[in-house]
Every structure is written in structure tokens, then in C-alpha cells.
């Protein structure tokens, strides 16, 4: 499978590494959805943010902060990635 210019196999992304604790082989924190703070009707959005942030950081680390490559790997538009990074307060420059 071809993903972006440089990455041809998911193993190259090191997604399955056992970094830190948590579920999904160290990618995501352990989350008890019943203990999440509920602010209005934002439970879903809060949960997605908790799950998305480590993924975005991992991909940016692999691509050395290259947002175009990160967007290709994630299968999303570059503008969508920028919006997500802004919402999650992630600075891609710190991964260069």
C-alpha cells in the first residue's frame, strides 16, 4: 500500500510501538468515558480530542512536522489537518 511519498507500509510509521501506558499499544491514553468532564453537549468532541491528539503528534513526529505528508498519511485534507491542529493546540514546528 502506498501512503504519501516516503511511507509504503504501516510498520514504517511505528504505529504499533509500545510507548508509554494506555490502550491501543501505547497510542491512546486509558479513557473511562463515564469520568470525562461533560461541558454542555461536548462529550463526543472531548472524547475525540483526547483520542486524536496522540495520533496527530505521532504522525507529525514521523513526518518531522511536514503537515502535507501528515495529511496524506491520515487521509485528510491539509486544511482539515490545520484546523484539527489548531483546535488541539498542537504546533507542527516543534516536531521539526
N, C-alpha and C. Protein backbone atom coordinates (compact mmCIF):
# COMPACT_ATOMS: atom_id res chain seq x y z
N UNK A 1 0.84 -1.17 0.00
CA UNK A 1 0.00 0.00 0.00
C UNK A 1 0.90 1.24 0.00
N UNK A 2 0.57 2.22 -0.82
CA UNK A 2 1.37 3.43 -0.91
C UNK A 2 0.69 4.55 -0.13
N UNK A 3 1.42 5.14 0.77
CA UNK A 3 0.90 6.24 1.58
C UNK A 3 1.92 7.38 1.50
N UNK A 4 1.53 8.46 0.88
CA UNK A 4 2.45 9.58 0.75
C UNK A 4 3.65 9.22 -0.11
N UNK A 5 4.70 10.00 -0.06
CA UNK A 5 5.89 9.76 -0.86
C UNK A 5 6.82 8.74 -0.23
N UNK A 6 7.02 8.83 1.08
CA UNK A 6 8.07 8.06 1.74
C UNK A 6 7.58 6.79 2.40
N UNK A 7 6.31 6.71 2.73
CA UNK A 7 5.83 5.64 3.59
C UNK A 7 5.05 4.62 2.79
N UNK A 8 5.54 3.40 2.75
CA UNK A 8 4.87 2.38 1.96
C UNK A 8 4.20 1.33 2.82
N UNK A 9 4.57 1.19 4.08
CA UNK A 9 3.98 0.20 4.97
C UNK A 9 3.69 0.84 6.32
N UNK A 10 2.62 0.41 6.96
CA UNK A 10 2.28 0.97 8.26
C UNK A 10 3.37 0.71 9.29
N UNK A 11 4.16 -0.36 9.13
CA UNK A 11 5.24 -0.63 10.09
C UNK A 11 6.23 0.53 10.12
N UNK A 12 6.44 1.18 8.97
CA UNK A 12 7.39 2.28 8.93
C UNK A 12 6.95 3.45 9.80
N UNK A 13 5.65 3.55 10.06
CA UNK A 13 5.15 4.64 10.90
C UNK A 13 5.34 4.33 12.37
N UNK A 14 5.71 3.09 12.67
CA UNK A 14 5.94 2.67 14.05
C UNK A 14 4.68 2.85 14.90
N UNK A 15 3.53 2.66 14.29
CA UNK A 15 2.26 2.84 14.97
C UNK A 15 2.08 1.80 16.06
N UNK A 16 2.62 0.60 15.88
CA UNK A 16 2.40 -0.47 16.84
C UNK A 16 3.41 -0.47 17.98
N UNK A 17 4.21 0.57 18.12
CA UNK A 17 5.21 0.57 19.19
C UNK A 17 4.53 0.65 20.54
N UNK A 18 5.19 0.13 21.54
CA UNK A 18 4.64 0.09 22.91
C UNK A 18 5.18 1.26 23.71
N UNK A 19 4.85 2.47 23.31
CA UNK A 19 5.33 3.65 24.02
C UNK A 19 4.37 3.99 25.15
N UNK A 20 4.88 4.15 26.32
CA UNK A 20 4.07 4.61 27.44
C UNK A 20 2.99 3.62 27.80
N UNK A 21 2.08 4.08 28.63
CA UNK A 21 0.99 3.21 29.02
C UNK A 21 -0.25 3.59 28.23
N UNK A 22 -1.27 2.83 28.40
CA UNK A 22 -2.53 3.14 27.75
C UNK A 22 -2.94 2.05 26.80
N UNK A 23 -4.05 2.27 26.17
CA UNK A 23 -4.59 1.29 25.25
C UNK A 23 -4.03 1.49 23.86
N UNK A 24 -4.45 0.66 22.93
CA UNK A 24 -4.03 0.73 21.53
C UNK A 24 -2.51 0.73 21.40
N UNK A 25 -1.88 -0.17 22.11
CA UNK A 25 -0.42 -0.32 22.02
C UNK A 25 0.33 0.96 22.35
N UNK A 26 -0.13 1.71 23.33
CA UNK A 26 0.58 2.90 23.76
C UNK A 26 0.22 4.15 23.00
N UNK A 27 -0.64 4.06 22.00
CA UNK A 27 -1.01 5.24 21.21
C UNK A 27 -1.98 6.14 21.97
N UNK A 28 -2.95 5.54 22.63
CA UNK A 28 -4.00 6.33 23.26
C UNK A 28 -3.96 6.17 24.78
N UNK A 29 -4.36 7.20 25.49
CA UNK A 29 -4.43 7.06 26.94
C UNK A 29 -5.60 6.17 27.32
N UNK A 30 -5.53 5.57 28.51
CA UNK A 30 -6.68 4.82 29.01
C UNK A 30 -7.77 5.84 29.33
N UNK A 31 -8.95 5.62 28.78
CA UNK A 31 -10.02 6.59 28.95
C UNK A 31 -11.26 5.88 29.49
N UNK A 32 -11.76 6.38 30.59
CA UNK A 32 -13.05 5.93 31.09
C UNK A 32 -14.05 6.99 30.68
N UNK A 33 -14.85 6.70 29.66
CA UNK A 33 -15.73 7.73 29.10
C UNK A 33 -16.76 8.23 30.11
N UNK A 34 -17.03 7.44 31.15
CA UNK A 34 -18.02 7.87 32.12
C UNK A 34 -17.44 8.87 33.12
N UNK A 35 -16.12 9.06 33.13
CA UNK A 35 -15.49 10.04 34.01
C UNK A 35 -15.02 11.29 33.27
N UNK A 36 -15.34 11.39 31.99
CA UNK A 36 -14.95 12.57 31.23
C UNK A 36 -15.78 13.77 31.67
N UNK A 37 -15.17 14.96 31.73
CA UNK A 37 -15.96 16.13 32.07
C UNK A 37 -16.94 16.44 30.94
N UNK A 38 -18.17 16.65 31.28
CA UNK A 38 -19.19 16.94 30.27
C UNK A 38 -19.53 18.42 30.37
N UNK A 39 -19.18 19.15 29.35
CA UNK A 39 -19.49 20.58 29.29
C UNK A 39 -20.54 20.76 28.21
N UNK A 40 -21.75 20.96 28.59
CA UNK A 40 -22.82 21.07 27.60
C UNK A 40 -22.97 19.74 26.88
N UNK A 41 -23.05 19.76 25.57
CA UNK A 41 -23.17 18.54 24.77
C UNK A 41 -21.84 18.24 24.10
N UNK A 42 -20.75 18.40 24.78
CA UNK A 42 -19.44 18.26 24.15
C UNK A 42 -18.75 16.95 24.49
N UNK A 43 -19.44 15.97 25.02
CA UNK A 43 -18.81 14.71 25.39
C UNK A 43 -18.11 14.07 24.19
N UNK A 44 -18.81 13.98 23.07
CA UNK A 44 -18.22 13.37 21.87
C UNK A 44 -16.98 14.14 21.42
N UNK A 45 -17.09 15.44 21.35
CA UNK A 45 -15.96 16.26 20.89
C UNK A 45 -14.77 16.15 21.85
N UNK A 46 -15.03 16.13 23.15
CA UNK A 46 -13.95 15.97 24.12
C UNK A 46 -13.28 14.62 23.99
N UNK A 47 -14.07 13.58 23.80
CA UNK A 47 -13.52 12.23 23.64
C UNK A 47 -12.66 12.14 22.39
N UNK A 48 -13.14 12.69 21.29
CA UNK A 48 -12.38 12.66 20.03
C UNK A 48 -11.07 13.43 20.19
N UNK A 49 -11.10 14.55 20.87
CA UNK A 49 -9.87 15.33 21.08
C UNK A 49 -8.85 14.54 21.88
N UNK A 50 -9.32 13.81 22.90
CA UNK A 50 -8.41 13.00 23.71
C UNK A 50 -7.78 11.89 22.88
N UNK A 51 -8.56 11.30 21.98
CA UNK A 51 -8.06 10.21 21.15
C UNK A 51 -7.22 10.72 19.98
N UNK A 52 -7.58 11.87 19.44
CA UNK A 52 -6.90 12.40 18.25
C UNK A 52 -5.52 12.99 18.54
N UNK A 53 -5.37 13.64 19.66
CA UNK A 53 -4.12 14.36 19.94
C UNK A 53 -2.89 13.47 19.87
N UNK A 54 -2.88 12.29 20.53
CA UNK A 54 -1.68 11.44 20.42
C UNK A 54 -1.42 10.96 18.99
N UNK A 55 -2.49 10.72 18.25
CA UNK A 55 -2.34 10.29 16.85
C UNK A 55 -1.69 11.39 16.03
N UNK A 56 -2.20 12.60 16.15
CA UNK A 56 -1.64 13.73 15.39
C UNK A 56 -0.17 13.96 15.75
N UNK A 57 0.14 13.89 17.04
CA UNK A 57 1.52 14.09 17.47
C UNK A 57 2.43 12.99 16.94
N UNK A 58 1.95 11.76 16.94
CA UNK A 58 2.75 10.63 16.44
C UNK A 58 3.04 10.80 14.95
N UNK A 59 2.04 11.14 14.18
CA UNK A 59 2.21 11.30 12.73
C UNK A 59 3.12 12.49 12.44
N UNK A 60 2.96 13.58 13.16
CA UNK A 60 3.84 14.74 12.95
C UNK A 60 5.28 14.41 13.33
N UNK A 61 5.45 13.59 14.33
CA UNK A 61 6.79 13.16 14.72
C UNK A 61 7.42 12.33 13.59
N UNK A 62 6.65 11.42 13.04
CA UNK A 62 7.14 10.57 11.95
C UNK A 62 7.49 11.38 10.72
N UNK A 63 6.68 12.39 10.41
CA UNK A 63 6.90 13.21 9.22
C UNK A 63 7.79 14.42 9.50
N UNK A 64 8.33 14.49 10.72
CA UNK A 64 9.19 15.61 11.13
C UNK A 64 8.51 16.97 10.93
N UNK A 65 7.23 17.01 11.27
CA UNK A 65 6.48 18.26 11.21
C UNK A 65 5.95 18.62 9.84
N UNK A 66 6.12 17.77 8.85
CA UNK A 66 5.64 18.05 7.50
C UNK A 66 4.14 17.80 7.46
N UNK A 67 3.37 18.89 7.45
CA UNK A 67 1.92 18.78 7.53
C UNK A 67 1.31 18.20 6.26
N UNK A 68 1.90 18.45 5.10
CA UNK A 68 1.36 17.87 3.87
C UNK A 68 1.48 16.35 3.89
N UNK A 69 2.64 15.85 4.31
CA UNK A 69 2.83 14.40 4.42
C UNK A 69 1.92 13.81 5.49
N UNK A 70 1.79 14.50 6.61
CA UNK A 70 0.93 14.03 7.69
C UNK A 70 -0.51 13.91 7.20
N UNK A 71 -0.98 14.91 6.47
CA UNK A 71 -2.35 14.88 5.94
C UNK A 71 -2.54 13.71 4.98
N UNK A 72 -1.53 13.44 4.14
CA UNK A 72 -1.63 12.31 3.21
C UNK A 72 -1.73 10.99 3.97
N UNK A 73 -0.90 10.82 4.99
CA UNK A 73 -0.91 9.59 5.77
C UNK A 73 -2.26 9.41 6.46
N UNK A 74 -2.80 10.50 7.00
CA UNK A 74 -4.07 10.43 7.70
C UNK A 74 -5.27 10.32 6.76
N UNK A 75 -5.04 10.63 5.49
CA UNK A 75 -6.13 10.57 4.52
C UNK A 75 -7.11 11.73 4.65
N UNK A 76 -6.58 12.89 5.08
CA UNK A 76 -7.42 14.08 5.22
C UNK A 76 -6.79 15.23 4.44
N UNK A 77 -7.59 16.25 4.22
CA UNK A 77 -7.12 17.45 3.54
C UNK A 77 -6.17 18.22 4.44
N UNK A 78 -5.21 18.90 3.85
CA UNK A 78 -4.25 19.69 4.62
C UNK A 78 -4.94 20.76 5.46
N UNK A 79 -5.98 21.39 4.90
CA UNK A 79 -6.72 22.41 5.65
C UNK A 79 -7.44 21.80 6.85
N UNK A 80 -7.94 20.58 6.70
CA UNK A 80 -8.59 19.88 7.81
C UNK A 80 -7.57 19.60 8.91
N UNK A 81 -6.38 19.18 8.49
CA UNK A 81 -5.31 18.93 9.47
C UNK A 81 -4.97 20.21 10.22
N UNK A 82 -4.83 21.32 9.50
CA UNK A 82 -4.54 22.60 10.16
C UNK A 82 -5.61 22.97 11.18
N UNK A 83 -6.88 22.75 10.82
CA UNK A 83 -7.98 23.05 11.74
C UNK A 83 -7.89 22.18 12.98
N UNK A 84 -7.62 20.89 12.80
CA UNK A 84 -7.50 19.97 13.93
C UNK A 84 -6.32 20.35 14.82
N UNK A 85 -5.19 20.68 14.22
CA UNK A 85 -4.02 21.05 15.00
C UNK A 85 -4.28 22.31 15.82
N UNK A 86 -4.98 23.26 15.22
CA UNK A 86 -5.30 24.49 15.94
C UNK A 86 -6.23 24.18 17.11
N UNK A 87 -7.26 23.37 16.88
CA UNK A 87 -8.21 23.02 17.94
C UNK A 87 -7.52 22.25 19.07
N UNK A 88 -6.59 21.37 18.71
CA UNK A 88 -5.89 20.54 19.70
C UNK A 88 -4.68 21.24 20.30
N UNK A 89 -4.42 22.47 19.84
CA UNK A 89 -3.29 23.27 20.33
C UNK A 89 -1.95 22.53 20.12
N UNK A 90 -1.75 22.05 18.89
CA UNK A 90 -0.52 21.36 18.53
C UNK A 90 0.24 22.23 17.53
N UNK A 91 1.51 22.49 17.82
CA UNK A 91 2.36 23.27 16.91
C UNK A 91 3.26 22.31 16.14
N UNK A 92 3.02 22.20 14.83
CA UNK A 92 3.78 21.26 14.00
C UNK A 92 5.26 21.61 13.97
N UNK A 93 5.60 22.87 14.19
CA UNK A 93 7.01 23.29 14.14
C UNK A 93 7.86 22.62 15.21
N UNK A 94 7.25 22.23 16.31
CA UNK A 94 8.04 21.62 17.39
C UNK A 94 8.48 20.19 17.03
N UNK A 95 7.98 19.65 15.93
CA UNK A 95 8.34 18.29 15.51
C UNK A 95 9.43 18.28 14.45
N UNK A 96 9.90 19.45 14.04
CA UNK A 96 10.94 19.52 13.00
C UNK A 96 12.29 19.19 13.57
